[in-house]
Amino acid sequence: MQWSHLISYFFGGTFLTNAIPHLVAGLMGRAFQSPFAKPPGRGLSSSTVNVVWGWFNVGVGYFLTLQVGEFDVHSLTDVGAFGVGGILISIQLARHFGAFHGGNA
């Protein structure tokens, strides 16, 4: 197992997890924070921008997870790297978006 593959799986988990809030908000027709808003990450972007950003994240996550090395769903190391990336970005996103939507109270 190469460390570069595990790093790729870690970031694959982060990108795929980050896709979720953007796709959900966009598909619901709601404006939501994105890197393209003013100010970036704090202002609101349209639902269309969020859908496009969400699918971009899916594409990057797919590439990092399934096109780098040989990701094995039966390997605790591979799945662990992917899962740790997803969990850490989930906590960070919960704190970040919670500041705007009352979730940090």
Protein backbone atom coordinates (compact mmCIF):
# COMPACT_ATOMS: atom_id res chain seq x y z
CA MET A 1 0.00 0.00 0.00
CA GLN A 2 1.35 3.38 -0.99
CA TRP A 3 0.88 6.39 1.26
CA SER A 4 -0.05 8.46 -1.78
CA HIS A 5 -3.05 6.18 -2.36
CA LEU A 6 -4.22 6.56 1.24
CA ILE A 7 -3.88 10.35 0.98
CA SER A 8 -5.91 10.22 -2.22
CA TYR A 9 -8.63 8.14 -0.52
CA PHE A 10 -8.66 10.56 2.44
CA PHE A 11 -9.29 13.50 0.12
CA GLY A 12 -11.74 11.45 -1.92
CA GLY A 13 -13.77 11.09 1.28
CA THR A 14 -13.59 14.83 1.92
CA PHE A 15 -14.72 15.78 -1.58
CA LEU A 16 -17.57 13.27 -1.67
CA THR A 17 -18.76 14.39 1.76
CA ASN A 18 -18.52 18.05 0.79
CA ALA A 19 -20.75 17.35 -2.22
CA ILE A 20 -23.69 16.42 0.02
CA PRO A 21 -24.72 19.82 1.47
CA HIS A 22 -24.24 21.60 -1.85
CA LEU A 23 -26.27 19.06 -3.81
CA VAL A 24 -29.02 18.87 -1.20
CA ALA A 25 -29.38 22.66 -0.93
CA GLY A 26 -29.21 23.09 -4.69
CA LEU A 27 -31.70 20.34 -5.45
CA MET A 28 -34.08 21.87 -2.91
CA GLY A 29 -33.78 25.18 -4.74
CA ARG A 30 -32.11 26.93 -1.83
CA ALA A 31 -29.25 29.39 -1.86
CA PHE A 32 -26.28 28.16 0.17
CA GLN A 33 -22.70 29.12 0.97
CA SER A 34 -20.07 28.25 -1.61
CA PRO A 35 -16.54 29.31 -2.55
CA PHE A 36 -18.04 31.43 -5.35
CA ALA A 37 -20.16 33.69 -3.13
CA LYS A 38 -19.15 37.13 -1.90
CA PRO A 39 -17.48 36.83 0.51
CA PRO A 40 -16.30 33.32 -0.42
CA GLY A 41 -17.66 30.60 1.86
CA ARG A 42 -19.80 33.06 3.78
CA GLY A 43 -22.18 34.62 1.27
CA LEU A 44 -24.90 32.71 -0.53
CA SER A 45 -24.67 31.22 -4.01
CA SER A 46 -27.65 30.26 -6.13
CA SER A 47 -29.06 26.76 -6.10
CA THR A 48 -27.69 26.22 -9.61
CA VAL A 49 -24.16 27.16 -8.56
CA ASN A 50 -24.44 24.76 -5.62
CA VAL A 51 -25.60 21.88 -7.84
CA VAL A 52 -22.68 22.45 -10.21
CA TRP A 53 -20.23 22.75 -7.29
CA GLY A 54 -21.68 19.63 -5.69
CA TRP A 55 -21.27 17.59 -8.88
CA PHE A 56 -17.74 18.90 -9.32
CA ASN A 57 -16.99 17.58 -5.81
CA VAL A 58 -18.52 14.21 -6.75
CA GLY A 59 -16.28 14.04 -9.81
CA VAL A 60 -13.11 14.88 -7.89
CA GLY A 61 -14.06 12.48 -5.08
CA TYR A 62 -14.74 9.72 -7.60
CA PHE A 63 -11.40 10.26 -9.31
CA LEU A 64 -9.42 10.38 -6.04
CA THR A 65 -11.13 7.28 -4.66
CA LEU A 66 -11.62 4.99 -7.64
CA GLN A 67 -9.07 6.06 -10.23
CA VAL A 68 -5.98 6.24 -8.00
CA GLY A 69 -4.54 2.91 -6.96
CA GLU A 70 -6.84 -0.04 -6.33
CA PHE A 71 -9.42 1.08 -3.74
CA ASP A 72 -10.65 -2.05 -1.94
CA VAL A 73 -13.92 -1.79 -0.03
CA HIS A 74 -12.80 -4.84 1.98
CA SER A 75 -9.59 -3.14 3.12
CA LEU A 76 -9.87 -1.51 6.53
CA THR A 77 -6.92 0.72 5.62
CA ASP A 78 -8.50 2.01 2.40
CA VAL A 79 -11.97 2.47 3.87
CA GLY A 80 -10.48 3.95 7.05
CA ALA A 81 -8.56 6.62 5.13
CA PHE A 82 -11.71 7.46 3.14
CA GLY A 83 -13.86 7.50 6.29
CA VAL A 84 -11.48 9.66 8.32
CA GLY A 85 -11.47 12.23 5.50
CA GLY A 86 -15.27 12.20 5.44
CA ILE A 87 -15.63 12.45 9.21
CA LEU A 88 -13.13 15.29 9.61
CA ILE A 89 -14.66 17.39 6.84
CA SER A 90 -18.13 16.66 8.29
CA ILE A 91 -17.11 18.14 11.63
CA GLN A 92 -15.50 21.15 9.97
CA LEU A 93 -18.54 21.75 7.74
CA ALA A 94 -20.92 21.39 10.69
CA ARG A 95 -19.00 24.07 12.58
CA HIS A 96 -18.68 26.34 9.54
CA PHE A 97 -22.26 26.12 8.26
CA GLY A 98 -23.63 25.98 11.82
CA ALA A 99 -22.37 29.53 12.33
CA PHE A 100 -24.74 30.69 9.58
CA HIS A 101 -27.73 28.45 10.25
CA GLY A 102 -27.89 28.33 14.07
CA GLY A 103 -26.38 24.88 14.45
CA ASN A 104 -23.61 25.95 16.84
CA ALA A 105 -25.93 27.17 19.60
